[in-house]
Amino acid sequence: MRNIRELLKKYKTPLLILGVLLLGALFLVIMELSGKVEDTPVAPVVIQEREKPTYEAKVQKTTPYDGSTEAKQGDKIKIHLEEPVKVETVEYRVTPEISLAFRTYDERNRIVTIFPDEEIWKENVPYTITITQLENAEGEDLGKPIEYTYIFKRPEKFEGGESWLNEEGAEENKDYQEDFLNSVRN
């Protein structure tokens, strides 16, 4: 018994600390099991994104002109803009739906060329193309969408002189469509 008293006297402070810690841990376990301890709510962290600068695209001209009914099957739509753009950033929607390809062939990247990617334009169907995203050379987003309407009217006669209304013309039309798709992909 004497040894225990000496040990308690010698290690009084560390034993008191250990005892308090054990009692505290036991208290927390009991409270957790009884459901009395609630998680302390953490304030949400709000990260404010800075808005990306925008620009207003100024269309200088379009060929064929917007809404033209004189467009030919092989025509590529060209939208001439005032400033250079990054055509790889384009996002668009088109009604009725058709897959389109967008390119710039000029050195200054100011002429956006649009053409069907997988199929051809349907006759007498107005296609409304809305470019919703197109960054300029400085990386600014398009502030306001660019809208364009394209209507393909079939020519009365093909280059070979056959009318598309007869059998020879219908066969020539198939060849014409294949040639067109091959030309715009290259």
N, C-alpha and C. Protein backbone atom coordinates (compact mmCIF):
# COMPACT_ATOMS: atom_id res chain seq x y z
N MET A 1 0.80 -1.17 0.00
CA MET A 1 0.00 0.00 0.00
C MET A 1 0.86 1.26 0.00
N ARG A 2 1.93 1.13 0.66
CA ARG A 2 2.85 2.25 0.76
C ARG A 2 3.43 2.59 -0.63
N ASN A 3 3.69 1.56 -1.41
CA ASN A 3 4.22 1.79 -2.75
C ASN A 3 3.22 2.52 -3.65
N ILE A 4 1.98 2.20 -3.48
CA ILE A 4 0.93 2.85 -4.28
C ILE A 4 0.84 4.33 -3.91
N ARG A 5 0.90 4.64 -2.61
CA ARG A 5 0.86 6.04 -2.17
C ARG A 5 2.04 6.81 -2.71
N GLU A 6 3.18 6.20 -2.72
CA GLU A 6 4.38 6.89 -3.23
C GLU A 6 4.26 7.13 -4.74
N LEU A 7 3.74 6.12 -5.43
CA LEU A 7 3.55 6.27 -6.89
C LEU A 7 2.52 7.37 -7.19
N LEU A 8 1.45 7.39 -6.43
CA LEU A 8 0.42 8.41 -6.64
C LEU A 8 0.97 9.81 -6.37
N LYS A 9 1.79 9.94 -5.33
CA LYS A 9 2.38 11.22 -4.99
C LYS A 9 3.34 11.66 -6.10
N LYS A 10 4.14 10.69 -6.57
CA LYS A 10 5.15 11.00 -7.56
C LYS A 10 4.53 11.32 -8.93
N TYR A 11 3.48 10.59 -9.33
CA TYR A 11 2.88 10.77 -10.66
C TYR A 11 1.47 11.34 -10.57
N LYS A 12 1.23 12.20 -9.63
CA LYS A 12 -0.08 12.78 -9.37
C LYS A 12 -0.62 13.56 -10.58
N THR A 13 0.15 14.46 -11.12
CA THR A 13 -0.31 15.32 -12.21
C THR A 13 -0.59 14.52 -13.48
N PRO A 14 0.34 13.66 -13.95
CA PRO A 14 0.03 12.90 -15.16
C PRO A 14 -1.17 11.97 -14.98
N LEU A 15 -1.35 11.41 -13.79
CA LEU A 15 -2.49 10.54 -13.57
C LEU A 15 -3.80 11.33 -13.56
N LEU A 16 -3.78 12.53 -13.03
CA LEU A 16 -4.98 13.38 -13.07
C LEU A 16 -5.35 13.74 -14.51
N ILE A 17 -4.37 14.08 -15.29
CA ILE A 17 -4.63 14.43 -16.70
C ILE A 17 -5.20 13.23 -17.43
N LEU A 18 -4.61 12.07 -17.24
CA LEU A 18 -5.09 10.85 -17.89
C LEU A 18 -6.53 10.54 -17.45
N GLY A 19 -6.81 10.72 -16.21
CA GLY A 19 -8.16 10.47 -15.68
C GLY A 19 -9.18 11.40 -16.30
N VAL A 20 -8.84 12.70 -16.42
CA VAL A 20 -9.75 13.68 -17.01
C VAL A 20 -10.01 13.33 -18.48
N LEU A 21 -8.97 12.96 -19.21
CA LEU A 21 -9.12 12.60 -20.62
C LEU A 21 -10.01 11.37 -20.78
N LEU A 22 -9.82 10.38 -19.95
CA LEU A 22 -10.65 9.17 -20.02
C LEU A 22 -12.11 9.49 -19.71
N LEU A 23 -12.34 10.31 -18.68
CA LEU A 23 -13.71 10.69 -18.34
C LEU A 23 -14.36 11.49 -19.48
N GLY A 24 -13.60 12.39 -20.07
CA GLY A 24 -14.13 13.17 -21.20
C GLY A 24 -14.48 12.29 -22.39
N ALA A 25 -13.60 11.33 -22.71
CA ALA A 25 -13.86 10.41 -23.81
C ALA A 25 -15.08 9.56 -23.51
N LEU A 26 -15.20 9.09 -22.30
CA LEU A 26 -16.35 8.29 -21.89
C LEU A 26 -17.64 9.11 -21.99
N PHE A 27 -17.58 10.37 -21.57
CA PHE A 27 -18.73 11.27 -21.67
C PHE A 27 -19.16 11.43 -23.13
N LEU A 28 -18.21 11.65 -24.03
CA LEU A 28 -18.52 11.83 -25.45
C LEU A 28 -19.12 10.57 -26.06
N VAL A 29 -18.61 9.41 -25.69
CA VAL A 29 -19.15 8.15 -26.21
C VAL A 29 -20.58 7.97 -25.75
N ILE A 30 -20.83 8.26 -24.49
CA ILE A 30 -22.19 8.12 -23.95
C ILE A 30 -23.14 9.09 -24.65
N MET A 31 -22.71 10.32 -24.85
CA MET A 31 -23.56 11.33 -25.50
C MET A 31 -23.83 10.95 -26.96
N GLU A 32 -22.82 10.45 -27.63
CA GLU A 32 -22.98 10.06 -29.03
C GLU A 32 -23.98 8.90 -29.13
N LEU A 33 -23.88 7.94 -28.25
CA LEU A 33 -24.79 6.81 -28.28
C LEU A 33 -26.21 7.22 -27.94
N SER A 34 -26.37 8.22 -27.12
CA SER A 34 -27.71 8.66 -26.75
C SER A 34 -28.27 9.67 -27.76
N GLY A 35 -27.47 10.11 -28.72
CA GLY A 35 -27.93 11.03 -29.75
C GLY A 35 -27.99 12.47 -29.31
N LYS A 36 -27.35 12.83 -28.24
CA LYS A 36 -27.41 14.20 -27.73
C LYS A 36 -26.40 15.14 -28.37
N VAL A 37 -25.37 14.59 -28.99
CA VAL A 37 -24.34 15.44 -29.58
C VAL A 37 -24.70 15.67 -31.05
N GLU A 38 -24.80 16.89 -31.45
CA GLU A 38 -25.10 17.22 -32.84
C GLU A 38 -23.84 17.71 -33.52
N ASP A 39 -23.78 17.43 -34.80
CA ASP A 39 -22.64 17.94 -35.56
C ASP A 39 -22.74 19.45 -35.63
N THR A 40 -21.63 20.08 -35.46
CA THR A 40 -21.59 21.53 -35.57
C THR A 40 -21.66 21.90 -37.04
N PRO A 41 -22.64 22.71 -37.40
CA PRO A 41 -22.75 23.07 -38.82
C PRO A 41 -21.54 23.91 -39.25
N VAL A 42 -21.10 23.63 -40.46
CA VAL A 42 -19.98 24.36 -41.03
C VAL A 42 -20.53 25.31 -42.07
N ALA A 43 -20.11 26.53 -42.00
CA ALA A 43 -20.58 27.52 -42.97
C ALA A 43 -20.12 27.11 -44.37
N PRO A 44 -21.01 27.21 -45.36
CA PRO A 44 -20.61 26.83 -46.72
C PRO A 44 -19.56 27.80 -47.27
N VAL A 45 -18.68 27.24 -48.06
CA VAL A 45 -17.65 28.06 -48.69
C VAL A 45 -18.17 28.49 -50.06
N VAL A 46 -18.24 29.76 -50.29
CA VAL A 46 -18.74 30.29 -51.54
C VAL A 46 -17.56 30.78 -52.36
N ILE A 47 -17.41 30.18 -53.53
CA ILE A 47 -16.35 30.61 -54.43
C ILE A 47 -17.01 31.41 -55.54
N GLN A 48 -16.67 32.65 -55.61
CA GLN A 48 -17.25 33.49 -56.64
C GLN A 48 -16.39 33.43 -57.89
N GLU A 49 -17.05 33.01 -58.98
CA GLU A 49 -16.34 32.97 -60.24
C GLU A 49 -16.46 34.34 -60.89
N ARG A 50 -15.36 34.76 -61.43
CA ARG A 50 -15.39 36.03 -62.15
C ARG A 50 -15.97 35.79 -63.52
N GLU A 51 -16.85 36.67 -63.91
CA GLU A 51 -17.45 36.52 -65.23
C GLU A 51 -16.40 36.77 -66.30
N LYS A 52 -16.46 35.93 -67.32
CA LYS A 52 -15.54 36.06 -68.44
C LYS A 52 -16.01 37.25 -69.28
N PRO A 53 -15.07 38.08 -69.74
CA PRO A 53 -15.49 39.22 -70.57
C PRO A 53 -16.15 38.74 -71.86
N THR A 54 -17.06 39.55 -72.36
CA THR A 54 -17.75 39.21 -73.60
C THR A 54 -17.49 40.28 -74.65
N TYR A 55 -17.80 39.94 -75.88
CA TYR A 55 -17.69 40.90 -76.99
C TYR A 55 -18.93 40.74 -77.85
N GLU A 56 -19.25 41.76 -78.60
CA GLU A 56 -20.36 41.70 -79.53
C GLU A 56 -19.80 41.50 -80.93
N ALA A 57 -20.15 40.37 -81.53
CA ALA A 57 -19.64 40.06 -82.87
C ALA A 57 -20.35 40.96 -83.87
N LYS A 58 -19.56 41.65 -84.66
CA LYS A 58 -20.13 42.51 -85.70
C LYS A 58 -19.99 41.78 -87.04
N VAL A 59 -21.14 41.38 -87.59
CA VAL A 59 -21.16 40.68 -88.87
C VAL A 59 -21.10 41.73 -89.97
N GLN A 60 -20.06 41.65 -90.80
CA GLN A 60 -19.91 42.61 -91.90
C GLN A 60 -20.75 42.22 -93.10
N LYS A 61 -20.75 40.91 -93.42
CA LYS A 61 -21.61 40.42 -94.49
C LYS A 61 -21.69 38.91 -94.40
N THR A 62 -22.67 38.34 -95.08
CA THR A 62 -22.82 36.90 -95.17
C THR A 62 -23.00 36.51 -96.63
N THR A 63 -22.47 35.37 -97.00
CA THR A 63 -22.71 34.84 -98.35
C THR A 63 -23.09 33.38 -98.22
N PRO A 64 -24.17 32.93 -98.85
CA PRO A 64 -25.21 33.77 -99.42
C PRO A 64 -25.81 34.66 -98.33
N TYR A 65 -26.47 35.73 -98.75
CA TYR A 65 -26.99 36.65 -97.74
C TYR A 65 -28.04 35.96 -96.88
N ASP A 66 -28.18 36.42 -95.65
CA ASP A 66 -29.08 35.85 -94.66
C ASP A 66 -30.50 35.78 -95.21
N GLY A 67 -31.08 34.58 -95.26
CA GLY A 67 -32.45 34.39 -95.74
C GLY A 67 -32.55 34.24 -97.25
N SER A 68 -31.43 34.22 -97.95
CA SER A 68 -31.43 34.10 -99.40
C SER A 68 -32.12 32.82 -99.84
N THR A 69 -32.92 32.92 -100.92
CA THR A 69 -33.52 31.72 -101.52
C THR A 69 -32.78 31.36 -102.81
N GLU A 70 -31.67 32.03 -103.05
CA GLU A 70 -30.88 31.75 -104.25
C GLU A 70 -29.67 30.88 -103.93
N ALA A 71 -29.64 30.32 -102.74
CA ALA A 71 -28.51 29.48 -102.34
C ALA A 71 -28.52 28.18 -103.13
N LYS A 72 -27.31 27.72 -103.49
CA LYS A 72 -27.18 26.46 -104.23
C LYS A 72 -26.73 25.37 -103.27
N GLN A 73 -26.95 24.12 -103.69
CA GLN A 73 -26.64 22.97 -102.84
C GLN A 73 -25.19 22.98 -102.37
N GLY A 74 -24.25 23.33 -103.22
CA GLY A 74 -22.84 23.29 -102.88
C GLY A 74 -22.32 24.52 -102.18
N ASP A 75 -23.18 25.51 -101.98
CA ASP A 75 -22.73 26.74 -101.31
C ASP A 75 -22.29 26.46 -99.89
N LYS A 76 -21.20 27.07 -99.51
CA LYS A 76 -20.78 27.08 -98.11
C LYS A 76 -21.20 28.43 -97.57
N ILE A 77 -21.71 28.46 -96.38
CA ILE A 77 -22.12 29.72 -95.77
C ILE A 77 -20.86 30.39 -95.25
N LYS A 78 -20.72 31.66 -95.54
CA LYS A 78 -19.57 32.41 -95.04
C LYS A 78 -20.08 33.62 -94.27
N ILE A 79 -19.66 33.70 -93.02
CA ILE A 79 -20.01 34.85 -92.18
C ILE A 79 -18.73 35.64 -91.96
N HIS A 80 -18.71 36.85 -92.50
CA HIS A 80 -17.54 37.73 -92.40
C HIS A 80 -17.69 38.58 -91.14
N LEU A 81 -16.75 38.41 -90.21
CA LEU A 81 -16.80 39.14 -88.94
C LEU A 81 -15.75 40.25 -88.91
N GLU A 82 -15.97 41.20 -88.04
CA GLU A 82 -15.06 42.34 -87.91
C GLU A 82 -13.74 41.96 -87.24
N GLU A 83 -13.78 40.99 -86.34
CA GLU A 83 -12.56 40.63 -85.61
C GLU A 83 -12.29 39.14 -85.69
N PRO A 84 -11.03 38.72 -85.49
CA PRO A 84 -10.66 37.30 -85.55
C PRO A 84 -11.34 36.49 -84.45
N VAL A 85 -11.64 35.22 -84.77
CA VAL A 85 -12.29 34.32 -83.81
C VAL A 85 -11.56 32.99 -83.77
N LYS A 86 -11.84 32.23 -82.70
CA LYS A 86 -11.31 30.87 -82.54
C LYS A 86 -12.45 29.90 -82.87
N VAL A 87 -12.50 29.46 -84.11
CA VAL A 87 -13.62 28.65 -84.59
C VAL A 87 -13.74 27.31 -83.84
N GLU A 88 -12.65 26.84 -83.23
CA GLU A 88 -12.71 25.58 -82.48
C GLU A 88 -13.54 25.71 -81.20
N THR A 89 -13.91 26.92 -80.81
CA THR A 89 -14.72 27.13 -79.60
C THR A 89 -16.21 27.26 -79.91
N VAL A 90 -16.59 27.07 -81.17
CA VAL A 90 -17.97 27.30 -81.57
C VAL A 90 -18.93 26.30 -80.93
N GLU A 91 -20.06 26.82 -80.49
CA GLU A 91 -21.20 26.02 -80.06
C GLU A 91 -22.40 26.59 -80.80
N TYR A 92 -23.28 25.71 -81.26
CA TYR A 92 -24.39 26.18 -82.08
C TYR A 92 -25.61 25.29 -81.90
N ARG A 93 -26.71 25.78 -82.40
CA ARG A 93 -27.90 24.95 -82.55
C ARG A 93 -28.49 25.31 -83.92
N VAL A 94 -29.12 24.33 -84.53
CA VAL A 94 -29.70 24.55 -85.86
C VAL A 94 -31.05 23.86 -85.91
N THR A 95 -32.02 24.56 -86.49
CA THR A 95 -33.37 24.04 -86.63
C THR A 95 -33.77 24.13 -88.10
N PRO A 96 -34.19 23.01 -88.71
CA PRO A 96 -34.19 21.66 -88.19
C PRO A 96 -32.77 21.16 -88.02
N GLU A 97 -32.64 20.13 -87.21
CA GLU A 97 -31.32 19.64 -86.82
C GLU A 97 -30.56 19.04 -88.01
N ILE A 98 -29.30 19.43 -88.11
CA ILE A 98 -28.37 18.89 -89.10
C ILE A 98 -26.96 19.10 -88.53
N SER A 99 -26.09 18.16 -88.77
CA SER A 99 -24.71 18.28 -88.26
C SER A 99 -23.93 19.23 -89.17
N LEU A 100 -23.28 20.21 -88.56
CA LEU A 100 -22.54 21.21 -89.32
C LEU A 100 -21.07 21.19 -88.94
N ALA A 101 -20.25 21.65 -89.87
CA ALA A 101 -18.82 21.83 -89.61
C ALA A 101 -18.54 23.33 -89.74
N PHE A 102 -17.59 23.82 -88.95
CA PHE A 102 -17.22 25.23 -88.95
C PHE A 102 -15.72 25.32 -89.18
N ARG A 103 -15.30 26.17 -90.09
CA ARG A 103 -13.87 26.36 -90.39
C ARG A 103 -13.60 27.84 -90.63
N THR A 104 -12.34 28.20 -90.51
CA THR A 104 -11.88 29.50 -91.00
C THR A 104 -10.73 29.20 -91.94
N TYR A 105 -10.82 29.70 -93.16
CA TYR A 105 -9.79 29.44 -94.16
C TYR A 105 -8.93 30.67 -94.42
N ASP A 106 -9.40 31.82 -93.96
CA ASP A 106 -8.62 33.04 -94.19
C ASP A 106 -7.53 33.17 -93.12
N GLU A 107 -6.48 33.87 -93.44
CA GLU A 107 -5.32 34.02 -92.53
C GLU A 107 -5.68 34.71 -91.23
N ARG A 108 -6.61 35.64 -91.28
CA ARG A 108 -6.92 36.45 -90.09
C ARG A 108 -8.05 35.85 -89.24
N ASN A 109 -8.59 34.70 -89.64
CA ASN A 109 -9.65 34.01 -88.90
C ASN A 109 -10.87 34.90 -88.66
N ARG A 110 -11.27 35.62 -89.70
CA ARG A 110 -12.43 36.50 -89.58
C ARG A 110 -13.62 36.01 -90.41
N ILE A 111 -13.41 35.03 -91.25
CA ILE A 111 -14.50 34.50 -92.07
C ILE A 111 -14.81 33.08 -91.59
N VAL A 112 -15.98 32.92 -90.98
CA VAL A 112 -16.41 31.62 -90.48
C VAL A 112 -17.18 30.94 -91.61
N THR A 113 -16.69 29.78 -92.03
CA THR A 113 -17.32 29.01 -93.11
C THR A 113 -18.08 27.85 -92.48
N ILE A 114 -19.35 27.72 -92.88
CA ILE A 114 -20.24 26.71 -92.31
C ILE A 114 -20.76 25.82 -93.44
N PHE A 115 -20.75 24.52 -93.21
CA PHE A 115 -21.29 23.59 -94.21
C PHE A 115 -21.74 22.31 -93.53
N PRO A 116 -22.64 21.55 -94.20
CA PRO A 116 -23.11 20.29 -93.60
C PRO A 116 -21.95 19.32 -93.44
N ASP A 117 -21.96 18.60 -92.33
CA ASP A 117 -20.87 17.69 -92.02
C ASP A 117 -21.15 16.27 -92.50
N GLU A 118 -22.38 15.80 -92.37
CA GLU A 118 -22.68 14.40 -92.67
C GLU A 118 -23.78 14.22 -93.71
N GLU A 119 -24.61 15.19 -93.88
CA GLU A 119 -25.70 15.09 -94.85
C GLU A 119 -25.81 16.42 -95.57
N ILE A 120 -26.69 16.48 -96.57
CA ILE A 120 -26.79 17.73 -97.33
C ILE A 120 -28.05 18.49 -96.92
N TRP A 121 -28.08 19.76 -97.34
CA TRP A 121 -29.26 20.59 -97.08
C TRP A 121 -30.46 19.99 -97.79
N LYS A 122 -31.62 20.04 -97.17
CA LYS A 122 -32.86 19.61 -97.82
C LYS A 122 -33.44 20.81 -98.56
N GLU A 123 -34.09 20.49 -99.67
CA GLU A 123 -34.63 21.53 -100.54
C GLU A 123 -35.79 22.27 -99.88
N ASN A 124 -35.81 23.58 -100.07
CA ASN A 124 -36.88 24.48 -99.61
C ASN A 124 -37.12 24.44 -98.10
N VAL A 125 -36.12 24.05 -97.36
CA VAL A 125 -36.23 23.99 -95.90
C VAL A 125 -35.41 25.15 -95.33
N PRO A 126 -36.03 26.07 -94.62
CA PRO A 126 -35.23 27.13 -93.98
C PRO A 126 -34.51 26.57 -92.75
N TYR A 127 -33.19 26.66 -92.76
CA TYR A 127 -32.38 26.24 -91.63
C TYR A 127 -32.00 27.49 -90.85
N THR A 128 -32.36 27.52 -89.58
CA THR A 128 -31.98 28.64 -88.72
C THR A 128 -30.80 28.20 -87.88
N ILE A 129 -29.67 28.84 -88.13
CA ILE A 129 -28.43 28.52 -87.42
C ILE A 129 -28.19 29.60 -86.38
N THR A 130 -28.00 29.19 -85.15
CA THR A 130 -27.72 30.14 -84.07
C THR A 130 -26.37 29.77 -83.46
N ILE A 131 -25.41 30.66 -83.61
CA ILE A 131 -24.10 30.46 -83.00
C ILE A 131 -24.20 31.04 -81.59
N THR A 132 -24.10 30.17 -80.59
CA THR A 132 -24.30 30.60 -79.21
C THR A 132 -22.99 30.86 -78.48
N GLN A 133 -21.90 30.28 -78.98
CA GLN A 133 -20.58 30.47 -78.36
C GLN A 133 -19.53 30.53 -79.44
N LEU A 134 -18.67 31.53 -79.36
CA LEU A 134 -17.56 31.67 -80.30
C LEU A 134 -16.60 32.69 -79.71
N GLU A 135 -15.45 32.21 -79.23
CA GLU A 135 -14.49 33.12 -78.62
C GLU A 135 -13.77 33.94 -79.68
N ASN A 136 -13.44 35.18 -79.31
CA ASN A 136 -12.60 35.98 -80.20
C ASN A 136 -11.14 35.66 -79.91
N ALA A 137 -10.24 36.32 -80.61
CA ALA A 137 -8.80 36.03 -80.46
C ALA A 137 -8.29 36.28 -79.05
N GLU A 138 -8.94 37.19 -78.30
CA GLU A 138 -8.53 37.49 -76.92
C GLU A 138 -9.14 36.53 -75.91
N GLY A 139 -9.96 35.57 -76.37
CA GLY A 139 -10.56 34.60 -75.47
C GLY A 139 -11.86 35.08 -74.84
N GLU A 140 -12.40 36.18 -75.31
CA GLU A 140 -13.67 36.68 -74.77
C GLU A 140 -14.83 35.89 -75.38
N ASP A 141 -15.89 35.68 -74.59
CA ASP A 141 -17.07 34.95 -75.06
C ASP A 141 -17.98 35.84 -75.90
N LEU A 142 -18.71 35.18 -76.76
CA LEU A 142 -19.70 35.87 -77.58
C LEU A 142 -20.80 36.40 -76.67
N GLY A 143 -21.04 37.70 -76.69
CA GLY A 143 -22.02 38.30 -75.81
C GLY A 143 -23.45 38.05 -76.27
N LYS A 144 -23.69 38.10 -77.57
CA LYS A 144 -25.03 37.95 -78.12
C LYS A 144 -24.94 36.95 -79.28
N PRO A 145 -25.86 35.97 -79.34
CA PRO A 145 -25.78 34.96 -80.40
C PRO A 145 -25.85 35.56 -81.81
N ILE A 146 -25.26 34.85 -82.75
CA ILE A 146 -25.33 35.22 -84.17
C ILE A 146 -26.37 34.30 -84.80
N GLU A 147 -27.36 34.87 -85.48
CA GLU A 147 -28.39 34.06 -86.13
C GLU A 147 -28.30 34.23 -87.63
N TYR A 148 -28.56 33.12 -88.33
CA TYR A 148 -28.48 33.12 -89.78
C TYR A 148 -29.50 32.11 -90.30
N THR A 149 -30.19 32.45 -91.40
CA THR A 149 -31.15 31.53 -92.02
C THR A 149 -30.66 31.18 -93.41
N TYR A 150 -30.67 29.89 -93.71
CA TYR A 150 -30.21 29.37 -94.99
C TYR A 150 -31.33 28.56 -95.62
N ILE A 151 -31.63 28.83 -96.89
CA ILE A 151 -32.65 28.07 -97.61
C ILE A 151 -32.05 27.61 -98.93
N PHE A 152 -32.03 26.30 -99.15
CA PHE A 152 -31.52 25.76 -100.40
C PHE A 152 -32.67 25.58 -101.38
N LYS A 153 -32.51 26.15 -102.59
CA LYS A 153 -33.46 25.96 -103.68
C LYS A 153 -32.74 25.17 -104.76
N ARG A 154 -33.34 24.10 -105.20
CA ARG A 154 -32.75 23.26 -106.23
C ARG A 154 -32.76 24.03 -107.57
N PRO A 155 -31.64 24.00 -108.30
CA PRO A 155 -31.64 24.63 -109.62
C PRO A 155 -32.55 23.84 -110.55
N GLU A 156 -33.12 24.53 -111.55
CA GLU A 156 -34.00 23.83 -112.47
C GLU A 156 -33.26 22.79 -113.28
N LYS A 157 -32.02 23.10 -113.65
CA LYS A 157 -31.21 22.15 -114.42
C LYS A 157 -29.84 22.03 -113.78
N PHE A 158 -29.23 20.85 -113.94
CA PHE A 158 -27.87 20.63 -113.45
C PHE A 158 -26.88 21.06 -114.51
N GLU A 159 -25.62 21.05 -114.14
CA GLU A 159 -24.58 21.49 -115.07
C GLU A 159 -24.61 20.70 -116.36
N GLY A 160 -24.98 19.42 -116.32
CA GLY A 160 -25.05 18.59 -117.52
C GLY A 160 -26.23 18.92 -118.40
N GLY A 161 -27.13 19.76 -117.91
CA GLY A 161 -28.27 20.18 -118.70
C GLY A 161 -29.54 19.39 -118.44
N GLU A 162 -29.45 18.31 -117.67
CA GLU A 162 -30.63 17.48 -117.40
C GLU A 162 -31.48 18.13 -116.31
N SER A 163 -32.79 18.04 -116.47
CA SER A 163 -33.69 18.53 -115.44
C SER A 163 -33.72 17.53 -114.30
N TRP A 164 -33.81 18.00 -113.08
CA TRP A 164 -33.86 17.10 -111.94
C TRP A 164 -35.21 16.39 -111.86
N LEU A 165 -36.18 16.86 -112.67
CA LEU A 165 -37.51 16.27 -112.64
C LEU A 165 -37.59 14.92 -113.38
N ASN A 166 -36.66 14.66 -114.33
CA ASN A 166 -36.74 13.39 -115.05
C ASN A 166 -35.76 12.37 -114.46
N GLU A 167 -35.79 11.15 -114.98
CA GLU A 167 -34.99 10.06 -114.43
C GLU A 167 -33.49 10.33 -114.52
N GLU A 168 -33.04 10.87 -115.65
CA GLU A 168 -31.61 11.17 -115.81
C GLU A 168 -31.18 12.24 -114.80
N GLY A 169 -32.02 13.22 -114.63
CA GLY A 169 -31.71 14.29 -113.68
C GLY A 169 -31.68 13.80 -112.25
N ALA A 170 -32.57 12.88 -111.89
CA ALA A 170 -32.59 12.31 -110.53
C ALA A 170 -31.30 11.55 -110.26
N GLU A 171 -30.81 10.79 -111.25
CA GLU A 171 -29.55 10.06 -111.09
C GLU A 171 -28.39 11.03 -110.96
N GLU A 172 -28.43 12.09 -111.77
CA GLU A 172 -27.37 13.10 -111.71
C GLU A 172 -27.40 13.81 -110.35
N ASN A 173 -28.59 13.98 -109.78
CA ASN A 173 -28.73 14.60 -108.48
C ASN A 173 -28.02 13.79 -107.41
N LYS A 174 -28.10 12.45 -107.46
CA LYS A 174 -27.41 11.60 -106.48
C LYS A 174 -25.91 11.81 -106.57
N ASP A 175 -25.40 11.85 -107.81
CA ASP A 175 -23.96 12.09 -108.00
C ASP A 175 -23.59 13.46 -107.48
N TYR A 176 -24.44 14.44 -107.75
CA TYR A 176 -24.20 15.82 -107.32
C TYR A 176 -24.11 15.89 -105.79
N GLN A 177 -25.01 15.19 -105.11
CA GLN A 177 -25.01 15.18 -103.65
C GLN A 177 -23.72 14.55 -103.10
N GLU A 178 -23.30 13.43 -103.68
CA GLU A 178 -22.06 12.79 -103.23
C GLU A 178 -20.86 13.69 -103.46
N ASP A 179 -20.80 14.32 -104.66
CA ASP A 179 -19.70 15.25 -104.96
C ASP A 179 -19.69 16.40 -103.98
N PHE A 180 -20.88 16.91 -103.65
CA PHE A 180 -20.97 18.03 -102.72
C PHE A 180 -20.41 17.66 -101.35
N LEU A 181 -20.86 16.52 -100.82
CA LEU A 181 -20.38 16.12 -99.50
C LEU A 181 -18.87 15.91 -99.49
N ASN A 182 -18.34 15.33 -100.55
CA ASN A 182 -16.88 15.15 -100.62
C ASN A 182 -16.16 16.48 -100.71
N SER A 183 -16.72 17.45 -101.43
CA SER A 183 -16.04 18.75 -101.59
C SER A 183 -16.00 19.55 -100.31
N VAL A 184 -17.07 19.50 -99.52
CA VAL A 184 -17.09 20.33 -98.30
C VAL A 184 -16.27 19.71 -97.19
N ARG A 185 -16.03 18.43 -97.23
CA ARG A 185 -15.21 17.79 -96.19
C ARG A 185 -13.73 18.04 -96.39
N ASN A 186 -13.35 18.40 -97.58
CA ASN A 186 -11.92 18.63 -97.88
C ASN A 186 -11.53 20.07 -97.79
